[in-house]
Amino acid sequence: MNETAIPVGRTALLIVDLQNDFLHPEGAYGRAGQSASAIAALPERLKPLADLLRAHGGYVVSTQFTLVPVKGGEPLISPHLKQLRPFLKKGDFQPGAWGHQLVDMLQPTDLSVEKITYSAFYMTRLEWVLRKCRIERLLVCGIVTNGGVASTVRDAHVRDFDTTVLEDGCAAFSPTVHATAIDALRPVCRVASITEIMREIEAA
């Protein structure tokens, strides 16, 4: 992939699922003791890149994992997720709620898209808004590397977006799982560090 061919103005930092319910101690996962230091460190690590990209005319796009509320506000939870995360309850990842929002450190975003499963492209408006904004290049970061990030990267690849996954801008619940997922993505996208990308933006 030729990372210099696409202008910064057509580049987006695509932030996958860095939401309060995942990261904040008072969010759904924090209350259940489901956290990892590598995940908690991501917002601070990504903030300089997000700020730089904004300053150079690029986009910051966030995807928010969503549990769709139905009758009585009870959320629709897939059976496999209910089995993996039995602590999820009414109000968690609810659209418009505090827990559903991108963490404060990385706000504001230019675009925000709700998602209901791993891939940010599956049954969402993400591709439509990216095309409308003439975004051609995606810098993908967020959580988890082997889940939402990997699925989103693969779907971006088959849609012919110039895709880079930020190796130190993603995390999983274990370093080994993260490293394995990154290696598995190398055939379908560029793998780069946050520092590499920042240097390229500054030089553009």
N, C-alpha and C. Protein backbone atom coordinates (compact mmCIF):
# COMPACT_ATOMS: atom_id res chain seq x y z
N MET A 1 0.83 -1.20 0.00
CA MET A 1 0.00 0.00 0.00
C MET A 1 0.87 1.25 0.00
N ASN A 2 0.45 2.22 -0.75
CA ASN A 2 1.19 3.47 -0.82
C ASN A 2 0.56 4.48 0.12
N GLU A 3 1.15 4.60 1.30
CA GLU A 3 0.55 5.44 2.33
C GLU A 3 0.66 6.92 2.05
N THR A 4 1.49 7.33 1.08
CA THR A 4 1.66 8.76 0.79
C THR A 4 0.75 9.25 -0.32
N ALA A 5 0.08 8.33 -1.04
CA ALA A 5 -0.71 8.72 -2.20
C ALA A 5 -2.02 9.39 -1.80
N ILE A 6 -2.58 9.06 -0.67
CA ILE A 6 -3.87 9.58 -0.25
C ILE A 6 -3.66 10.76 0.70
N PRO A 7 -4.24 11.92 0.40
CA PRO A 7 -4.03 13.10 1.25
C PRO A 7 -4.60 12.93 2.65
N VAL A 8 -4.05 13.68 3.59
CA VAL A 8 -4.50 13.59 4.98
C VAL A 8 -5.98 13.92 5.10
N GLY A 9 -6.46 14.83 4.28
CA GLY A 9 -7.87 15.20 4.33
C GLY A 9 -8.82 14.09 3.96
N ARG A 10 -8.32 13.01 3.38
CA ARG A 10 -9.14 11.85 3.06
C ARG A 10 -8.75 10.64 3.92
N THR A 11 -8.16 10.95 5.05
CA THR A 11 -7.71 9.92 6.00
C THR A 11 -8.53 10.03 7.27
N ALA A 12 -8.89 8.89 7.85
CA ALA A 12 -9.63 8.88 9.11
C ALA A 12 -8.98 7.95 10.11
N LEU A 13 -8.90 8.43 11.34
CA LEU A 13 -8.57 7.56 12.47
C LEU A 13 -9.87 6.89 12.88
N LEU A 14 -9.95 5.58 12.69
CA LEU A 14 -11.17 4.84 13.01
C LEU A 14 -11.00 4.17 14.37
N ILE A 15 -11.68 4.71 15.37
CA ILE A 15 -11.54 4.27 16.75
C ILE A 15 -12.64 3.24 17.04
N VAL A 16 -12.23 2.02 17.31
CA VAL A 16 -13.19 0.93 17.52
C VAL A 16 -13.45 0.73 19.01
N ASP A 17 -14.63 1.11 19.45
CA ASP A 17 -15.19 0.69 20.75
C ASP A 17 -14.45 1.20 21.99
N LEU A 18 -13.78 2.32 21.92
CA LEU A 18 -13.14 2.86 23.13
C LEU A 18 -14.19 3.68 23.90
N GLN A 19 -15.07 2.97 24.54
CA GLN A 19 -16.24 3.54 25.20
C GLN A 19 -16.13 3.46 26.72
N ASN A 20 -16.89 4.31 27.38
CA ASN A 20 -16.87 4.31 28.84
C ASN A 20 -17.27 2.96 29.43
N ASP A 21 -18.24 2.29 28.83
CA ASP A 21 -18.67 1.00 29.37
C ASP A 21 -17.59 -0.07 29.26
N PHE A 22 -16.65 0.11 28.35
CA PHE A 22 -15.52 -0.82 28.25
C PHE A 22 -14.35 -0.39 29.14
N LEU A 23 -14.05 0.91 29.17
CA LEU A 23 -12.79 1.37 29.76
C LEU A 23 -12.90 2.00 31.14
N HIS A 24 -13.96 2.71 31.42
CA HIS A 24 -14.05 3.45 32.68
C HIS A 24 -14.31 2.50 33.86
N PRO A 25 -13.70 2.76 35.00
CA PRO A 25 -13.93 1.89 36.17
C PRO A 25 -15.40 1.78 36.57
N GLU A 26 -16.19 2.81 36.23
CA GLU A 26 -17.62 2.77 36.57
C GLU A 26 -18.48 2.26 35.42
N GLY A 27 -17.85 1.88 34.32
CA GLY A 27 -18.58 1.33 33.20
C GLY A 27 -18.93 -0.14 33.42
N ALA A 28 -19.61 -0.72 32.45
CA ALA A 28 -20.10 -2.10 32.58
C ALA A 28 -18.98 -3.09 32.84
N TYR A 29 -17.89 -3.01 32.08
CA TYR A 29 -16.78 -3.93 32.25
C TYR A 29 -15.98 -3.63 33.52
N GLY A 30 -15.80 -2.36 33.82
CA GLY A 30 -15.07 -1.98 35.02
C GLY A 30 -15.75 -2.48 36.28
N ARG A 31 -17.06 -2.33 36.35
CA ARG A 31 -17.82 -2.80 37.52
C ARG A 31 -17.70 -4.31 37.69
N ALA A 32 -17.53 -5.01 36.58
CA ALA A 32 -17.43 -6.47 36.63
C ALA A 32 -15.99 -6.95 36.78
N GLY A 33 -15.04 -6.01 36.90
CA GLY A 33 -13.65 -6.39 37.05
C GLY A 33 -13.01 -6.90 35.78
N GLN A 34 -13.62 -6.58 34.65
CA GLN A 34 -13.11 -7.01 33.35
C GLN A 34 -12.29 -5.88 32.74
N SER A 35 -11.01 -5.85 33.02
CA SER A 35 -10.17 -4.78 32.51
C SER A 35 -8.77 -5.32 32.24
N ALA A 36 -8.01 -4.54 31.49
CA ALA A 36 -6.61 -4.90 31.19
C ALA A 36 -5.83 -3.61 31.07
N SER A 37 -4.62 -3.58 31.60
CA SER A 37 -3.83 -2.35 31.59
C SER A 37 -3.53 -1.88 30.17
N ALA A 38 -3.33 -2.81 29.24
CA ALA A 38 -3.04 -2.43 27.86
C ALA A 38 -4.22 -1.71 27.23
N ILE A 39 -5.43 -2.13 27.58
CA ILE A 39 -6.64 -1.48 27.06
C ILE A 39 -6.80 -0.10 27.70
N ALA A 40 -6.61 -0.02 29.00
CA ALA A 40 -6.77 1.25 29.71
C ALA A 40 -5.80 2.32 29.22
N ALA A 41 -4.64 1.91 28.70
CA ALA A 41 -3.61 2.86 28.27
C ALA A 41 -3.87 3.46 26.89
N LEU A 42 -4.80 2.90 26.14
CA LEU A 42 -4.98 3.32 24.74
C LEU A 42 -5.39 4.78 24.54
N PRO A 43 -6.37 5.32 25.27
CA PRO A 43 -6.78 6.69 24.99
C PRO A 43 -5.63 7.70 25.08
N GLU A 44 -4.82 7.61 26.12
CA GLU A 44 -3.70 8.54 26.28
C GLU A 44 -2.68 8.36 25.15
N ARG A 45 -2.48 7.14 24.73
CA ARG A 45 -1.52 6.86 23.66
C ARG A 45 -2.02 7.39 22.31
N LEU A 46 -3.31 7.34 22.10
CA LEU A 46 -3.89 7.74 20.81
C LEU A 46 -4.20 9.22 20.70
N LYS A 47 -4.34 9.91 21.83
CA LYS A 47 -4.74 11.31 21.80
C LYS A 47 -3.82 12.19 20.93
N PRO A 48 -2.48 12.09 21.02
CA PRO A 48 -1.64 12.95 20.17
C PRO A 48 -1.90 12.74 18.68
N LEU A 49 -2.14 11.50 18.28
CA LEU A 49 -2.42 11.22 16.87
C LEU A 49 -3.76 11.81 16.47
N ALA A 50 -4.78 11.64 17.30
CA ALA A 50 -6.10 12.21 17.00
C ALA A 50 -6.02 13.72 16.86
N ASP A 51 -5.31 14.38 17.77
CA ASP A 51 -5.16 15.84 17.72
C ASP A 51 -4.41 16.28 16.47
N LEU A 52 -3.37 15.55 16.13
CA LEU A 52 -2.57 15.89 14.95
C LEU A 52 -3.39 15.72 13.68
N LEU A 53 -4.12 14.65 13.60
CA LEU A 53 -4.93 14.40 12.41
C LEU A 53 -6.00 15.48 12.24
N ARG A 54 -6.65 15.86 13.33
CA ARG A 54 -7.63 16.95 13.27
C ARG A 54 -6.98 18.23 12.76
N ALA A 55 -5.80 18.55 13.28
CA ALA A 55 -5.11 19.80 12.92
C ALA A 55 -4.72 19.84 11.45
N HIS A 56 -4.56 18.65 10.84
CA HIS A 56 -4.16 18.59 9.44
C HIS A 56 -5.33 18.29 8.50
N GLY A 57 -6.54 18.40 9.02
CA GLY A 57 -7.72 18.26 8.17
C GLY A 57 -8.25 16.86 8.00
N GLY A 58 -7.71 15.89 8.74
CA GLY A 58 -8.22 14.54 8.67
C GLY A 58 -9.43 14.35 9.56
N TYR A 59 -9.95 13.16 9.58
CA TYR A 59 -11.16 12.84 10.33
C TYR A 59 -10.85 11.94 11.54
N VAL A 60 -11.66 12.11 12.57
CA VAL A 60 -11.66 11.18 13.69
C VAL A 60 -13.06 10.55 13.73
N VAL A 61 -13.10 9.25 13.57
CA VAL A 61 -14.36 8.51 13.48
C VAL A 61 -14.40 7.48 14.59
N SER A 62 -15.51 7.43 15.31
CA SER A 62 -15.63 6.43 16.38
C SER A 62 -16.77 5.47 16.09
N THR A 63 -16.56 4.22 16.49
CA THR A 63 -17.64 3.24 16.44
C THR A 63 -17.99 2.88 17.87
N GLN A 64 -19.27 2.74 18.13
CA GLN A 64 -19.74 2.43 19.47
C GLN A 64 -20.51 1.12 19.47
N PHE A 65 -19.95 0.13 20.18
CA PHE A 65 -20.70 -1.10 20.37
C PHE A 65 -21.99 -0.77 21.09
N THR A 66 -23.10 -1.39 20.64
CA THR A 66 -24.43 -1.02 21.11
C THR A 66 -25.25 -2.25 21.47
N LEU A 67 -25.90 -2.19 22.62
CA LEU A 67 -26.91 -3.16 22.98
C LEU A 67 -28.26 -2.48 22.79
N VAL A 68 -28.97 -2.87 21.76
CA VAL A 68 -30.22 -2.21 21.38
C VAL A 68 -31.31 -2.51 22.41
N PRO A 69 -31.89 -1.46 23.03
CA PRO A 69 -32.96 -1.70 24.00
C PRO A 69 -34.29 -1.93 23.29
N VAL A 70 -35.09 -2.84 23.85
CA VAL A 70 -36.42 -3.11 23.30
C VAL A 70 -37.46 -2.91 24.41
N LYS A 71 -38.44 -3.76 24.53
CA LYS A 71 -39.51 -3.58 25.50
C LYS A 71 -38.96 -3.41 26.91
N GLY A 72 -39.42 -2.37 27.56
CA GLY A 72 -39.00 -2.11 28.93
C GLY A 72 -37.55 -1.71 29.07
N GLY A 73 -36.90 -1.44 27.94
CA GLY A 73 -35.49 -1.04 27.98
C GLY A 73 -34.52 -2.19 28.08
N GLU A 74 -35.03 -3.42 28.08
CA GLU A 74 -34.15 -4.59 28.16
C GLU A 74 -33.33 -4.70 26.87
N PRO A 75 -32.03 -4.95 26.98
CA PRO A 75 -31.19 -4.99 25.79
C PRO A 75 -31.24 -6.32 25.05
N LEU A 76 -31.11 -6.25 23.73
CA LEU A 76 -30.94 -7.45 22.93
C LEU A 76 -29.48 -7.88 23.04
N ILE A 77 -29.24 -9.05 23.60
CA ILE A 77 -27.88 -9.56 23.78
C ILE A 77 -27.78 -10.91 23.09
N SER A 78 -26.84 -11.03 22.17
CA SER A 78 -26.65 -12.29 21.46
C SER A 78 -26.32 -13.41 22.45
N PRO A 79 -26.80 -14.62 22.19
CA PRO A 79 -26.55 -15.74 23.13
C PRO A 79 -25.07 -15.95 23.43
N HIS A 80 -24.20 -15.84 22.41
CA HIS A 80 -22.77 -16.08 22.67
C HIS A 80 -22.20 -15.00 23.58
N LEU A 81 -22.68 -13.75 23.42
CA LEU A 81 -22.20 -12.67 24.28
C LEU A 81 -22.74 -12.81 25.70
N LYS A 82 -23.98 -13.22 25.82
CA LYS A 82 -24.56 -13.43 27.15
C LYS A 82 -23.78 -14.50 27.91
N GLN A 83 -23.32 -15.52 27.18
CA GLN A 83 -22.55 -16.57 27.83
C GLN A 83 -21.16 -16.08 28.24
N LEU A 84 -20.53 -15.28 27.37
CA LEU A 84 -19.20 -14.76 27.67
C LEU A 84 -19.21 -13.67 28.73
N ARG A 85 -20.23 -12.82 28.69
CA ARG A 85 -20.31 -11.65 29.57
C ARG A 85 -21.65 -11.62 30.30
N PRO A 86 -21.87 -12.54 31.23
CA PRO A 86 -23.17 -12.62 31.91
C PRO A 86 -23.50 -11.40 32.76
N PHE A 87 -22.52 -10.54 33.00
CA PHE A 87 -22.75 -9.35 33.83
C PHE A 87 -23.47 -8.23 33.08
N LEU A 88 -23.55 -8.31 31.76
CA LEU A 88 -24.20 -7.24 31.00
C LEU A 88 -25.68 -7.16 31.36
N LYS A 89 -26.16 -5.91 31.52
CA LYS A 89 -27.53 -5.73 32.00
C LYS A 89 -28.18 -4.52 31.36
N LYS A 90 -29.41 -4.29 31.73
CA LYS A 90 -30.19 -3.16 31.24
C LYS A 90 -29.44 -1.86 31.49
N GLY A 91 -29.32 -1.03 30.45
CA GLY A 91 -28.63 0.25 30.56
C GLY A 91 -27.20 0.22 30.07
N ASP A 92 -26.60 -0.96 29.99
CA ASP A 92 -25.23 -1.07 29.49
C ASP A 92 -25.21 -0.88 27.97
N PHE A 93 -24.24 -0.12 27.49
CA PHE A 93 -24.05 0.13 26.06
C PHE A 93 -25.35 0.63 25.40
N GLN A 94 -26.12 1.36 26.15
CA GLN A 94 -27.40 1.88 25.65
C GLN A 94 -27.16 3.15 24.84
N PRO A 95 -27.74 3.26 23.64
CA PRO A 95 -27.52 4.44 22.80
C PRO A 95 -27.85 5.73 23.55
N GLY A 96 -26.92 6.69 23.48
CA GLY A 96 -27.11 7.98 24.11
C GLY A 96 -26.70 8.05 25.57
N ALA A 97 -26.48 6.89 26.20
CA ALA A 97 -26.10 6.87 27.61
C ALA A 97 -24.61 7.15 27.76
N TRP A 98 -24.21 7.52 28.96
CA TRP A 98 -22.81 7.83 29.24
C TRP A 98 -21.90 6.65 28.90
N GLY A 99 -22.29 5.45 29.28
CA GLY A 99 -21.46 4.29 29.04
C GLY A 99 -21.24 3.98 27.58
N HIS A 100 -22.17 4.38 26.76
CA HIS A 100 -22.12 4.13 25.31
C HIS A 100 -21.14 5.07 24.61
N GLN A 101 -20.81 6.19 25.23
CA GLN A 101 -20.04 7.23 24.58
C GLN A 101 -18.54 6.91 24.51
N LEU A 102 -17.90 7.49 23.50
CA LEU A 102 -16.44 7.46 23.40
C LEU A 102 -15.85 8.12 24.64
N VAL A 103 -14.73 7.61 25.13
CA VAL A 103 -14.10 8.20 26.31
C VAL A 103 -13.76 9.66 26.06
N ASP A 104 -13.84 10.47 27.11
CA ASP A 104 -13.67 11.92 26.98
C ASP A 104 -12.36 12.32 26.33
N MET A 105 -11.28 11.62 26.64
CA MET A 105 -9.96 12.01 26.18
C MET A 105 -9.86 12.07 24.65
N LEU A 106 -10.65 11.28 23.96
CA LEU A 106 -10.54 11.21 22.50
C LEU A 106 -11.64 12.01 21.78
N GLN A 107 -12.50 12.63 22.52
CA GLN A 107 -13.53 13.45 21.90
C GLN A 107 -12.95 14.83 21.53
N PRO A 108 -13.58 15.54 20.56
CA PRO A 108 -14.79 15.17 19.83
C PRO A 108 -14.47 14.35 18.60
N THR A 109 -15.49 13.70 18.07
CA THR A 109 -15.33 12.97 16.82
C THR A 109 -16.03 13.74 15.70
N ASP A 110 -15.60 13.45 14.49
CA ASP A 110 -16.26 14.03 13.32
C ASP A 110 -17.44 13.18 12.88
N LEU A 111 -17.33 11.89 13.08
CA LEU A 111 -18.39 10.95 12.74
C LEU A 111 -18.47 9.89 13.83
N SER A 112 -19.68 9.42 14.07
CA SER A 112 -19.86 8.38 15.07
C SER A 112 -20.89 7.38 14.54
N VAL A 113 -20.59 6.09 14.70
CA VAL A 113 -21.45 5.05 14.14
C VAL A 113 -21.70 3.98 15.18
N GLU A 114 -22.98 3.65 15.39
CA GLU A 114 -23.32 2.54 16.27
C GLU A 114 -23.07 1.23 15.55
N LYS A 115 -22.63 0.23 16.30
CA LYS A 115 -22.42 -1.11 15.74
C LYS A 115 -23.00 -2.14 16.71
N ILE A 116 -23.40 -3.28 16.17
CA ILE A 116 -24.08 -4.27 17.01
C ILE A 116 -23.31 -5.58 17.14
N THR A 117 -22.18 -5.67 16.42
CA THR A 117 -21.37 -6.88 16.51
C THR A 117 -19.91 -6.50 16.31
N TYR A 118 -19.05 -7.45 16.01
CA TYR A 118 -17.63 -7.16 15.94
C TYR A 118 -17.29 -6.12 14.87
N SER A 119 -17.67 -6.37 13.64
CA SER A 119 -17.29 -5.47 12.55
C SER A 119 -18.09 -4.18 12.58
N ALA A 120 -17.39 -3.06 12.40
CA ALA A 120 -18.06 -1.77 12.34
C ALA A 120 -18.77 -1.55 11.01
N PHE A 121 -18.59 -2.47 10.07
CA PHE A 121 -19.27 -2.36 8.78
C PHE A 121 -20.55 -3.18 8.71
N TYR A 122 -20.70 -4.17 9.58
CA TYR A 122 -21.84 -5.08 9.49
C TYR A 122 -23.14 -4.39 9.90
N MET A 123 -24.05 -4.23 8.94
CA MET A 123 -25.38 -3.65 9.17
C MET A 123 -25.30 -2.25 9.79
N THR A 124 -24.29 -1.46 9.40
CA THR A 124 -24.18 -0.08 9.87
C THR A 124 -24.10 0.87 8.68
N ARG A 125 -24.10 2.16 8.97
CA ARG A 125 -23.98 3.17 7.92
C ARG A 125 -22.52 3.60 7.70
N LEU A 126 -21.56 2.89 8.28
CA LEU A 126 -20.17 3.33 8.25
C LEU A 126 -19.66 3.52 6.82
N GLU A 127 -19.83 2.52 5.97
CA GLU A 127 -19.31 2.66 4.61
C GLU A 127 -19.94 3.84 3.90
N TRP A 128 -21.23 4.03 4.09
CA TRP A 128 -21.95 5.14 3.44
C TRP A 128 -21.37 6.49 3.84
N VAL A 129 -21.16 6.71 5.15
CA VAL A 129 -20.64 8.02 5.57
C VAL A 129 -19.19 8.21 5.15
N LEU A 130 -18.41 7.14 5.17
CA LEU A 130 -17.02 7.27 4.72
C LEU A 130 -16.96 7.67 3.25
N ARG A 131 -17.78 7.03 2.42
CA ARG A 131 -17.81 7.38 1.00
C ARG A 131 -18.30 8.80 0.79
N LYS A 132 -19.33 9.21 1.51
CA LYS A 132 -19.88 10.56 1.37
C LYS A 132 -18.84 11.62 1.74
N CYS A 133 -18.01 11.32 2.73
CA CYS A 133 -16.96 12.25 3.16
C CYS A 133 -15.67 12.08 2.37
N ARG A 134 -15.70 11.20 1.38
CA ARG A 134 -14.57 10.95 0.48
C ARG A 134 -13.33 10.46 1.24
N ILE A 135 -13.57 9.72 2.30
CA ILE A 135 -12.49 9.12 3.08
C ILE A 135 -12.04 7.85 2.37
N GLU A 136 -10.74 7.75 2.10
CA GLU A 136 -10.19 6.62 1.39
C GLU A 136 -9.23 5.78 2.23
N ARG A 137 -8.67 6.40 3.26
CA ARG A 137 -7.64 5.74 4.06
C ARG A 137 -8.09 5.65 5.51
N LEU A 138 -7.97 4.46 6.09
CA LEU A 138 -8.38 4.24 7.47
C LEU A 138 -7.19 3.83 8.32
N LEU A 139 -7.04 4.50 9.45
CA LEU A 139 -6.06 4.13 10.46
C LEU A 139 -6.85 3.53 11.61
N VAL A 140 -6.81 2.22 11.75
CA VAL A 140 -7.71 1.54 12.66
C VAL A 140 -7.03 1.29 14.01
N CYS A 141 -7.76 1.60 15.07
CA CYS A 141 -7.25 1.41 16.42
C CYS A 141 -8.42 1.00 17.31
N GLY A 142 -8.12 0.61 18.55
CA GLY A 142 -9.19 0.32 19.50
C GLY A 142 -9.14 -1.08 20.07
N ILE A 143 -10.33 -1.60 20.39
CA ILE A 143 -10.42 -2.90 21.06
C ILE A 143 -11.52 -3.76 20.45
N VAL A 144 -11.40 -5.05 20.70
CA VAL A 144 -10.16 -5.74 21.03
C VAL A 144 -9.52 -6.14 19.72
N THR A 145 -8.20 -6.32 19.75
CA THR A 145 -7.46 -6.57 18.51
C THR A 145 -8.00 -7.77 17.76
N ASN A 146 -8.30 -8.83 18.48
CA ASN A 146 -8.75 -10.08 17.86
C ASN A 146 -10.24 -10.11 17.58
N GLY A 147 -10.97 -9.07 17.98
CA GLY A 147 -12.42 -9.03 17.79
C GLY A 147 -12.85 -7.90 16.89
N GLY A 148 -13.29 -6.79 17.50
CA GLY A 148 -13.78 -5.66 16.72
C GLY A 148 -12.77 -5.09 15.76
N VAL A 149 -11.51 -5.00 16.16
CA VAL A 149 -10.48 -4.44 15.29
C VAL A 149 -10.24 -5.35 14.09
N ALA A 150 -9.99 -6.63 14.33
CA ALA A 150 -9.70 -7.55 13.24
C ALA A 150 -10.86 -7.66 12.26
N SER A 151 -12.07 -7.76 12.77
CA SER A 151 -13.23 -7.88 11.89
C SER A 151 -13.43 -6.62 11.05
N THR A 152 -13.24 -5.46 11.67
CA THR A 152 -13.40 -4.20 10.95
C THR A 152 -12.32 -4.03 9.88
N VAL A 153 -11.08 -4.38 10.22
CA VAL A 153 -9.98 -4.28 9.26
C VAL A 153 -10.23 -5.17 8.05
N ARG A 154 -10.67 -6.39 8.28
CA ARG A 154 -10.92 -7.30 7.16
C ARG A 154 -12.06 -6.80 6.28
N ASP A 155 -13.09 -6.26 6.90
CA ASP A 155 -14.19 -5.72 6.10
C ASP A 155 -13.79 -4.46 5.35
N ALA A 156 -12.92 -3.65 5.93
CA ALA A 156 -12.39 -2.48 5.22
C ALA A 156 -11.57 -2.90 4.02
N HIS A 157 -10.79 -3.94 4.20
CA HIS A 157 -9.94 -4.46 3.13
C HIS A 157 -10.76 -4.90 1.92
N VAL A 158 -11.82 -5.66 2.15
CA VAL A 158 -12.61 -6.15 1.02
C VAL A 158 -13.43 -5.04 0.37
N ARG A 159 -13.55 -3.90 1.05
CA ARG A 159 -14.23 -2.74 0.46
C ARG A 159 -13.25 -1.78 -0.20
N ASP A 160 -12.00 -2.18 -0.30
CA ASP A 160 -10.96 -1.42 -1.00
C ASP A 160 -10.60 -0.09 -0.33
N PHE A 161 -10.76 0.00 0.98
CA PHE A 161 -10.18 1.13 1.71
C PHE A 161 -8.70 0.85 1.93
N ASP A 162 -7.88 1.88 1.81
CA ASP A 162 -6.46 1.77 2.15
C ASP A 162 -6.39 1.70 3.68
N THR A 163 -6.05 0.54 4.19
CA THR A 163 -6.21 0.29 5.62
C THR A 163 -4.88 0.02 6.32
N THR A 164 -4.69 0.72 7.43
CA THR A 164 -3.53 0.50 8.30
C THR A 164 -4.04 0.19 9.70
N VAL A 165 -3.53 -0.85 10.31
CA VAL A 165 -3.85 -1.10 11.71
C VAL A 165 -2.69 -0.60 12.55
N LEU A 166 -3.02 0.14 13.60
CA LEU A 166 -2.00 0.71 14.49
C LEU A 166 -1.67 -0.33 15.57
N GLU A 167 -0.50 -0.92 15.44
CA GLU A 167 -0.14 -2.04 16.32
C GLU A 167 -0.15 -1.64 17.79
N ASP A 168 0.35 -0.45 18.10
CA ASP A 168 0.35 0.00 19.50
C ASP A 168 -0.86 0.87 19.82
N GLY A 169 -1.81 0.94 18.89
CA GLY A 169 -3.05 1.66 19.12
C GLY A 169 -4.23 0.72 19.34
N CYS A 170 -3.92 -0.57 19.44
CA CYS A 170 -4.93 -1.60 19.69
C CYS A 170 -4.49 -2.42 20.90
N ALA A 171 -5.43 -3.14 21.46
CA ALA A 171 -5.10 -4.02 22.59
C ALA A 171 -6.14 -5.11 22.72
N ALA A 172 -5.75 -6.18 23.40
CA ALA A 172 -6.65 -7.28 23.73
C ALA A 172 -6.49 -7.56 25.22
N PHE A 173 -7.17 -8.59 25.69
CA PHE A 173 -7.10 -8.90 27.12
C PHE A 173 -5.83 -9.66 27.49
N SER A 174 -5.03 -10.03 26.48
CA SER A 174 -3.72 -10.60 26.76
C SER A 174 -2.75 -10.20 25.65
N PRO A 175 -1.48 -9.96 25.97
CA PRO A 175 -0.49 -9.58 24.96
C PRO A 175 -0.32 -10.64 23.87
N THR A 176 -0.43 -11.90 24.25
CA THR A 176 -0.26 -12.97 23.27
C THR A 176 -1.39 -12.96 22.24
N VAL A 177 -2.60 -12.79 22.70
CA VAL A 177 -3.75 -12.72 21.79
C VAL A 177 -3.61 -11.52 20.86
N HIS A 178 -3.19 -10.39 21.41
CA HIS A 178 -2.97 -9.18 20.60
C HIS A 178 -1.94 -9.45 19.51
N ALA A 179 -0.80 -10.00 19.87
CA ALA A 179 0.28 -10.24 18.91
C ALA A 179 -0.14 -11.22 17.82
N THR A 180 -0.86 -12.25 18.20
CA THR A 180 -1.34 -13.23 17.22
C THR A 180 -2.31 -12.59 16.23
N ALA A 181 -3.19 -11.73 16.74
CA ALA A 181 -4.17 -11.07 15.88
C ALA A 181 -3.49 -10.11 14.91
N ILE A 182 -2.49 -9.38 15.38
CA ILE A 182 -1.75 -8.46 14.51
C ILE A 182 -1.05 -9.23 13.40
N ASP A 183 -0.39 -10.31 13.75
CA ASP A 183 0.30 -11.13 12.73
C ASP A 183 -0.68 -11.65 11.68
N ALA A 184 -1.87 -12.01 12.11
CA ALA A 184 -2.86 -12.54 11.18
C ALA A 184 -3.40 -11.47 10.24
N LEU A 185 -3.26 -10.19 10.61
CA LEU A 185 -3.76 -9.10 9.77
C LEU A 185 -2.73 -8.63 8.74
N ARG A 186 -1.48 -9.00 8.89
CA ARG A 186 -0.44 -8.49 7.99
C ARG A 186 -0.70 -8.78 6.51
N PRO A 187 -1.31 -9.91 6.14
CA PRO A 187 -1.57 -10.14 4.72
C PRO A 187 -2.65 -9.23 4.12
N VAL A 188 -3.48 -8.59 4.97
CA VAL A 188 -4.61 -7.81 4.43
C VAL A 188 -4.48 -6.31 4.65
N CYS A 189 -3.50 -5.87 5.42
CA CYS A 189 -3.36 -4.43 5.65
C CYS A 189 -1.93 -4.11 6.06
N ARG A 190 -1.64 -2.83 6.07
CA ARG A 190 -0.36 -2.37 6.59
C ARG A 190 -0.42 -2.36 8.12
N VAL A 191 0.65 -2.72 8.76
CA VAL A 191 0.77 -2.62 10.21
C VAL A 191 1.81 -1.56 10.51
N ALA A 192 1.44 -0.57 11.32
CA ALA A 192 2.35 0.55 11.61
C ALA A 192 2.18 0.97 13.06
N SER A 193 3.13 1.76 13.54
CA SER A 193 3.04 2.31 14.90
C SER A 193 2.43 3.71 14.84
N ILE A 194 1.97 4.17 15.97
CA ILE A 194 1.43 5.53 16.07
C ILE A 194 2.50 6.55 15.68
N THR A 195 3.72 6.35 16.14
CA THR A 195 4.81 7.28 15.83
C THR A 195 5.09 7.35 14.34
N GLU A 196 5.10 6.22 13.66
CA GLU A 196 5.31 6.20 12.21
C GLU A 196 4.26 7.04 11.50
N ILE A 197 3.01 6.84 11.87
CA ILE A 197 1.92 7.55 11.20
C ILE A 197 1.99 9.05 11.50
N MET A 198 2.31 9.42 12.72
CA MET A 198 2.43 10.83 13.05
C MET A 198 3.52 11.51 12.24
N ARG A 199 4.63 10.83 12.05
CA ARG A 199 5.72 11.38 11.24
C ARG A 199 5.26 11.60 9.80
N GLU A 200 4.52 10.65 9.27
CA GLU A 200 4.03 10.77 7.90
C GLU A 200 3.04 11.93 7.75
N ILE A 201 2.18 12.11 8.74
CA ILE A 201 1.23 13.22 8.69
C ILE A 201 1.96 14.56 8.75
N GLU A 202 2.92 14.64 9.64
CA GLU A 202 3.68 15.89 9.77
C GLU A 202 4.47 16.21 8.51
N ALA A 203 4.89 15.18 7.78
CA ALA A 203 5.69 15.39 6.57
C ALA A 203 4.85 15.64 5.33
N ALA A 204 3.55 15.34 5.43
CA ALA A 204 2.68 15.44 4.25
C ALA A 204 2.47 16.89 3.82
